[in-house]
Amino acid sequence: MFLGDSLTEGVGSKRISHVQELARLLRASEFRLRPVDALNGQVEFNVAGLMNERESSDLWLWNLACEGKTIESDFEWLPLIRALRPELVVVFRGSLESILRPAMLFEGAWPWWVPRSWRSYSAMDPRCYFSTTWWRKAKQTSVDALKQKARLRLLRRKPGKPLIDLEKFAQYQTELLQQLRALGARVLVLGLLPVGDACFPQSSAYFATVNAKLQEIANANGAEFCDWASLLPARADLFYRDGFHPNEAGARALAQILRQVL
């Protein structure tokens, strides 16, 4: 089972991810679930566009990652994890929580010139890619350029802050690992991947601090830790243009690393 955010779920309509690529390498079946609003208290999640069975494999990979969800949402999966009793749970958390974002997001003191639709935590993040349709690409390119100019200006005005401070994130991570280990599962914690300073100023240094904390928490709670970023080739073509989300080539490279680790 895999817990995480958009870096594990994948982005775009195809949602290509290291989980999907690992399933190909292992000839395993992959199931992707996402939480949904409860229907009469009975339905809590559904299949998110993929139930891929390969040659009736006895090995199942469950991708429970969800775009835009931070670590506290992972506790909602514990009843399902307890019921399915997986041999391994892979936790890849901290990237979304640790990107340094404009301080105005937390203070509410936005300059007048920032449109209201840009004031959510991810509204000004750089796009991963642009449409291939010329008029959509022209619109997306121009709007993204304006957003990045505004976001970088705000970050220069005041130091950025993570969505969840390190102490609070460490609390969540510790509790999550303890509960997963109590279920008897092998738990593998993945370190944060590199992040581009051009798009996310100051975040790279903070990611190194978070990685050290992730390893410390894993060691203290009987989980394994893998700094897979150190095993990833230093190539810009493994990420989308935001320098944050792995693209298809990046997903394949990460899957190869996971296969070796496991």
Protein backbone atom coordinates (compact mmCIF):
# COMPACT_ATOMS: atom_id res chain seq x y z
CA MET A 1 0.00 0.00 0.00
CA PHE A 2 1.19 3.47 -0.89
CA LEU A 3 0.30 6.64 1.03
CA GLY A 4 1.09 10.09 -0.32
CA ASP A 5 -0.02 13.09 -2.35
CA SER A 6 0.13 14.02 -6.05
CA LEU A 7 3.76 12.85 -6.30
CA THR A 8 2.50 9.32 -5.63
CA GLU A 9 -0.92 9.54 -7.28
CA GLY A 10 0.50 11.18 -10.40
CA VAL A 11 -0.71 14.29 -12.20
CA GLY A 12 -2.72 14.84 -15.36
CA SER A 13 -5.35 12.61 -16.91
CA LYS A 14 -3.05 9.58 -17.09
CA ARG A 15 -1.86 9.86 -13.46
CA ILE A 16 1.43 8.17 -14.33
CA SER A 17 3.34 7.47 -11.11
CA HIS A 18 6.13 5.35 -9.66
CA VAL A 19 3.43 3.01 -8.28
CA GLN A 20 2.03 2.39 -11.74
CA GLU A 21 5.50 1.85 -13.17
CA LEU A 22 6.44 -0.47 -10.31
CA ALA A 23 3.33 -2.52 -11.03
CA ARG A 24 4.53 -2.90 -14.63
CA LEU A 25 7.99 -4.00 -13.51
CA LEU A 26 6.63 -6.54 -11.03
CA ARG A 27 3.74 -7.68 -13.27
CA ALA A 28 1.46 -6.84 -10.36
CA SER A 29 -2.14 -5.69 -10.17
CA GLU A 30 -2.65 -2.03 -9.26
CA PHE A 31 -5.72 -0.59 -7.56
CA ARG A 32 -6.13 3.14 -7.11
CA LEU A 33 -8.57 4.47 -4.53
CA ARG A 34 -9.56 7.99 -3.51
CA PRO A 35 -11.67 9.12 -0.56
CA VAL A 36 -15.13 10.48 -1.38
CA ASP A 37 -17.87 12.16 0.61
CA ALA A 38 -19.77 9.48 2.50
CA LEU A 39 -23.02 8.32 0.91
CA ASN A 40 -25.50 7.63 3.71
CA GLY A 41 -22.50 6.82 5.87
CA GLN A 42 -21.72 3.73 3.78
CA VAL A 43 -19.34 4.75 0.97
CA GLU A 44 -16.02 6.31 2.00
CA PHE A 45 -13.86 5.74 -1.09
CA ASN A 46 -14.10 4.64 -4.70
CA VAL A 47 -11.92 3.40 -7.55
CA ALA A 48 -10.20 6.44 -9.04
CA GLY A 49 -10.10 5.48 -12.68
CA LEU A 50 -7.82 2.47 -12.50
CA MET A 51 -8.22 -1.15 -11.58
CA ASN A 52 -5.41 -2.72 -13.54
CA GLU A 53 -4.96 -6.47 -13.17
CA ARG A 54 -1.93 -7.95 -14.89
CA GLU A 55 -2.04 -11.66 -15.63
CA SER A 56 -4.12 -12.39 -12.49
CA SER A 57 -1.14 -11.53 -10.31
CA ASP A 58 -1.07 -12.55 -6.65
CA LEU A 59 0.77 -9.29 -5.93
CA TRP A 60 -1.51 -6.27 -5.47
CA LEU A 61 -0.34 -2.67 -5.22
CA TRP A 62 -2.91 -0.33 -3.64
CA ASN A 63 -2.31 3.34 -4.44
CA LEU A 64 -4.13 5.36 -1.76
CA ALA A 65 -2.37 8.64 -2.55
CA CYS A 66 -4.51 11.69 -3.23
CA GLU A 67 -3.65 15.00 -4.84
CA GLY A 68 -3.88 17.99 -2.51
CA LYS A 69 -4.20 15.90 0.67
CA THR A 70 -1.69 16.34 3.50
CA ILE A 71 -0.51 13.73 5.99
CA GLU A 72 -3.39 14.02 8.48
CA SER A 73 -5.72 12.54 5.84
CA ASP A 74 -3.75 9.26 5.89
CA PHE A 75 -5.29 8.31 9.23
CA GLU A 76 -8.62 7.88 7.44
CA TRP A 77 -7.14 4.91 5.57
CA LEU A 78 -6.19 2.99 8.71
CA PRO A 79 -9.46 0.95 8.94
CA LEU A 80 -9.00 -0.22 5.33
CA ILE A 81 -5.32 -0.98 5.89
CA ARG A 82 -6.21 -2.92 9.04
CA ALA A 83 -8.81 -4.94 7.09
CA LEU A 84 -6.54 -5.75 4.14
CA ARG A 85 -3.46 -6.52 6.26
CA PRO A 86 -0.80 -5.54 3.70
CA GLU A 87 2.71 -6.91 3.92
CA LEU A 88 4.20 -3.48 3.18
CA VAL A 89 3.07 0.14 3.55
CA VAL A 90 5.12 2.79 1.74
CA VAL A 91 4.82 6.31 3.17
CA PHE A 92 5.93 9.20 0.96
CA ARG A 93 4.89 12.33 2.83
CA GLY A 94 6.28 15.80 3.46
CA SER A 95 6.71 17.31 0.00
CA LEU A 96 3.36 19.10 -0.20
CA GLU A 97 3.56 20.03 3.48
CA SER A 98 7.10 21.45 3.20
CA ILE A 99 7.07 23.69 0.12
CA LEU A 100 7.69 27.23 1.41
CA ARG A 101 4.72 29.37 0.44
CA PRO A 102 4.05 33.11 0.74
CA ALA A 103 3.64 34.19 4.36
CA MET A 104 0.46 36.07 3.36
CA LEU A 105 -1.27 32.70 2.98
CA PHE A 106 -1.07 32.22 6.75
CA GLU A 107 -1.47 35.85 7.82
CA GLY A 108 -4.33 36.70 5.48
CA ALA A 109 -2.69 40.07 4.74
CA TRP A 110 -2.62 39.77 0.95
CA PRO A 111 -1.66 42.85 -1.09
CA TRP A 112 -4.66 44.36 -2.88
CA TRP A 113 -3.27 43.46 -6.30
CA VAL A 114 -3.35 39.66 -5.70
CA PRO A 115 -6.64 38.29 -7.16
CA ARG A 116 -8.79 36.37 -4.69
CA SER A 117 -8.68 33.26 -6.86
CA TRP A 118 -4.88 33.18 -6.43
CA ARG A 119 -4.92 33.17 -2.62
CA SER A 120 -5.24 29.45 -1.89
CA TYR A 121 -2.10 27.50 -0.97
CA SER A 122 -1.54 25.98 -4.42
CA ALA A 123 -3.24 28.48 -6.75
CA MET A 124 0.05 30.16 -7.67
CA ASP A 125 2.16 27.01 -7.94
CA PRO A 126 3.76 26.67 -11.39
CA ARG A 127 1.92 24.45 -13.86
CA CYS A 128 3.46 21.06 -14.52
CA TYR A 129 2.87 21.36 -18.26
CA PHE A 130 0.84 23.29 -20.83
CA SER A 131 -1.88 22.16 -23.21
CA THR A 132 -0.92 21.19 -26.74
CA THR A 133 -3.88 23.19 -28.12
CA TRP A 134 -2.38 26.52 -29.20
CA TRP A 135 -5.00 28.88 -27.75
CA ARG A 136 -5.14 27.03 -24.43
CA LYS A 137 -1.36 26.96 -24.27
CA ALA A 138 -1.22 30.71 -24.95
CA LYS A 139 -3.68 31.40 -22.14
CA GLN A 140 -2.03 28.99 -19.69
CA THR A 141 1.45 30.32 -20.47
CA SER A 142 0.52 33.96 -19.93
CA VAL A 143 -1.48 33.34 -16.73
CA ASP A 144 1.25 31.10 -15.30
CA ALA A 145 3.90 33.75 -16.03
CA LEU A 146 1.87 36.35 -14.13
CA LYS A 147 1.32 34.01 -11.20
CA GLN A 148 5.01 33.15 -10.94
CA LYS A 149 6.02 36.80 -11.06
CA ALA A 150 3.54 37.56 -8.27
CA ARG A 151 4.49 34.52 -6.16
CA LEU A 152 8.23 35.19 -6.35
CA ARG A 153 7.63 38.85 -5.50
CA LEU A 154 5.67 37.82 -2.39
CA LEU A 155 8.42 35.38 -1.33
CA ARG A 156 11.02 38.14 -1.67
CA ARG A 157 8.90 40.46 0.44
CA LYS A 158 8.69 38.00 3.37
CA PRO A 159 10.27 34.60 4.12
CA GLY A 160 8.02 31.74 3.08
CA LYS A 161 6.45 29.22 5.44
CA PRO A 162 5.58 25.51 5.02
CA LEU A 163 1.95 24.38 5.07
CA ILE A 164 2.66 22.40 8.24
CA ASP A 165 5.54 23.38 10.53
CA LEU A 166 8.17 20.73 11.16
CA GLU A 167 7.18 20.00 14.75
CA LYS A 168 3.53 19.39 13.83
CA PHE A 169 4.49 17.34 10.78
CA ALA A 170 6.84 15.22 12.91
CA GLN A 171 3.95 14.57 15.32
CA TYR A 172 1.72 13.33 12.50
CA GLN A 173 4.48 11.20 11.00
CA THR A 174 5.36 9.62 14.35
CA GLU A 175 1.74 8.75 15.14
CA LEU A 176 1.13 7.38 11.64
CA LEU A 177 4.18 5.11 11.73
CA GLN A 178 3.31 3.87 15.21
CA GLN A 179 -0.22 2.93 14.14
CA LEU A 180 0.98 1.24 10.95
CA ARG A 181 3.61 -0.74 12.84
CA ALA A 182 0.97 -1.79 15.37
CA LEU A 183 -0.85 -3.49 12.46
CA GLY A 184 2.17 -5.71 11.93
CA ALA A 185 3.06 -4.30 8.51
CA ARG A 186 6.54 -3.61 7.21
CA VAL A 187 6.75 0.17 6.77
CA LEU A 188 9.05 1.95 4.33
CA VAL A 189 9.45 5.72 4.57
CA LEU A 190 10.66 7.48 1.42
CA GLY A 191 12.70 10.66 1.69
CA LEU A 192 11.72 13.83 -0.13
CA LEU A 193 12.79 14.21 -3.74
CA PRO A 194 14.83 17.24 -4.88
CA VAL A 195 12.88 20.42 -5.57
CA GLY A 196 13.93 23.15 -8.00
CA ASP A 197 14.97 26.42 -6.36
CA ALA A 198 14.08 28.34 -9.51
CA CYS A 199 10.38 27.57 -9.02
CA PHE A 200 10.38 27.07 -5.25
CA PRO A 201 12.95 29.41 -3.66
CA GLN A 202 14.32 28.39 -0.24
CA SER A 203 12.46 25.07 -0.30
CA SER A 204 15.46 22.91 -1.22
CA ALA A 205 17.34 23.66 2.01
CA TYR A 206 14.20 23.09 4.07
CA PHE A 207 13.61 19.75 2.34
CA ALA A 208 17.05 18.59 3.57
CA THR A 209 16.00 19.41 7.14
CA VAL A 210 12.73 17.51 6.70
CA ASN A 211 14.56 14.48 5.27
CA ALA A 212 16.80 14.33 8.33
CA LYS A 213 13.72 14.41 10.55
CA LEU A 214 11.99 11.68 8.48
CA GLN A 215 14.97 9.38 8.91
CA GLU A 216 15.13 10.09 12.64
CA ILE A 217 11.42 9.30 13.09
CA ALA A 218 11.62 6.12 10.99
CA ASN A 219 14.59 4.83 12.98
CA ALA A 220 12.83 5.55 16.27
CA ASN A 221 9.63 3.74 15.28
CA GLY A 222 10.82 0.52 13.69
CA ALA A 223 10.32 1.66 10.10
CA GLU A 224 12.78 1.56 7.22
CA PHE A 225 14.00 4.75 5.54
CA CYS A 226 15.13 5.16 1.95
CA ASP A 227 16.78 8.34 0.70
CA TRP A 228 15.84 7.49 -2.86
CA ALA A 229 16.73 10.98 -4.05
CA SER A 230 20.40 10.05 -3.57
CA LEU A 231 19.88 7.11 -5.96
CA LEU A 232 18.09 9.18 -8.61
CA PRO A 233 20.21 10.38 -11.55
CA ALA A 234 20.71 14.16 -11.44
CA ARG A 235 18.72 14.89 -14.59
CA ALA A 236 16.25 17.72 -15.10
CA ASP A 237 14.34 15.67 -17.69
CA LEU A 238 12.96 13.42 -14.93
CA PHE A 239 10.63 16.17 -13.71
CA TYR A 240 7.91 18.33 -15.19
CA ARG A 241 8.65 22.00 -15.75
CA ASP A 242 7.82 22.81 -12.11
CA GLY A 243 10.91 20.87 -10.98
CA PHE A 244 8.75 19.16 -8.37
CA HIS A 245 6.51 16.45 -9.88
CA PRO A 246 8.23 13.47 -11.55
CA ASN A 247 7.22 12.98 -15.19
CA GLU A 248 6.90 9.65 -16.97
CA ALA A 249 10.68 9.19 -17.22
CA GLY A 250 11.02 10.14 -13.57
CA ALA A 251 8.30 7.68 -12.55
CA ARG A 252 10.14 4.89 -14.37
CA ALA A 253 13.45 5.80 -12.71
CA LEU A 254 11.84 5.90 -9.26
CA ALA A 255 10.12 2.55 -9.86
CA GLN A 256 13.47 0.99 -10.74
CA ILE A 257 14.94 2.30 -7.47
CA LEU A 258 11.97 0.97 -5.47
CA ARG A 259 12.29 -2.42 -7.12
CA GLN A 260 15.94 -2.63 -6.06
CA VAL A 261 15.16 -1.45 -2.52
CA LEU A 262 12.33 -3.95 -2.06
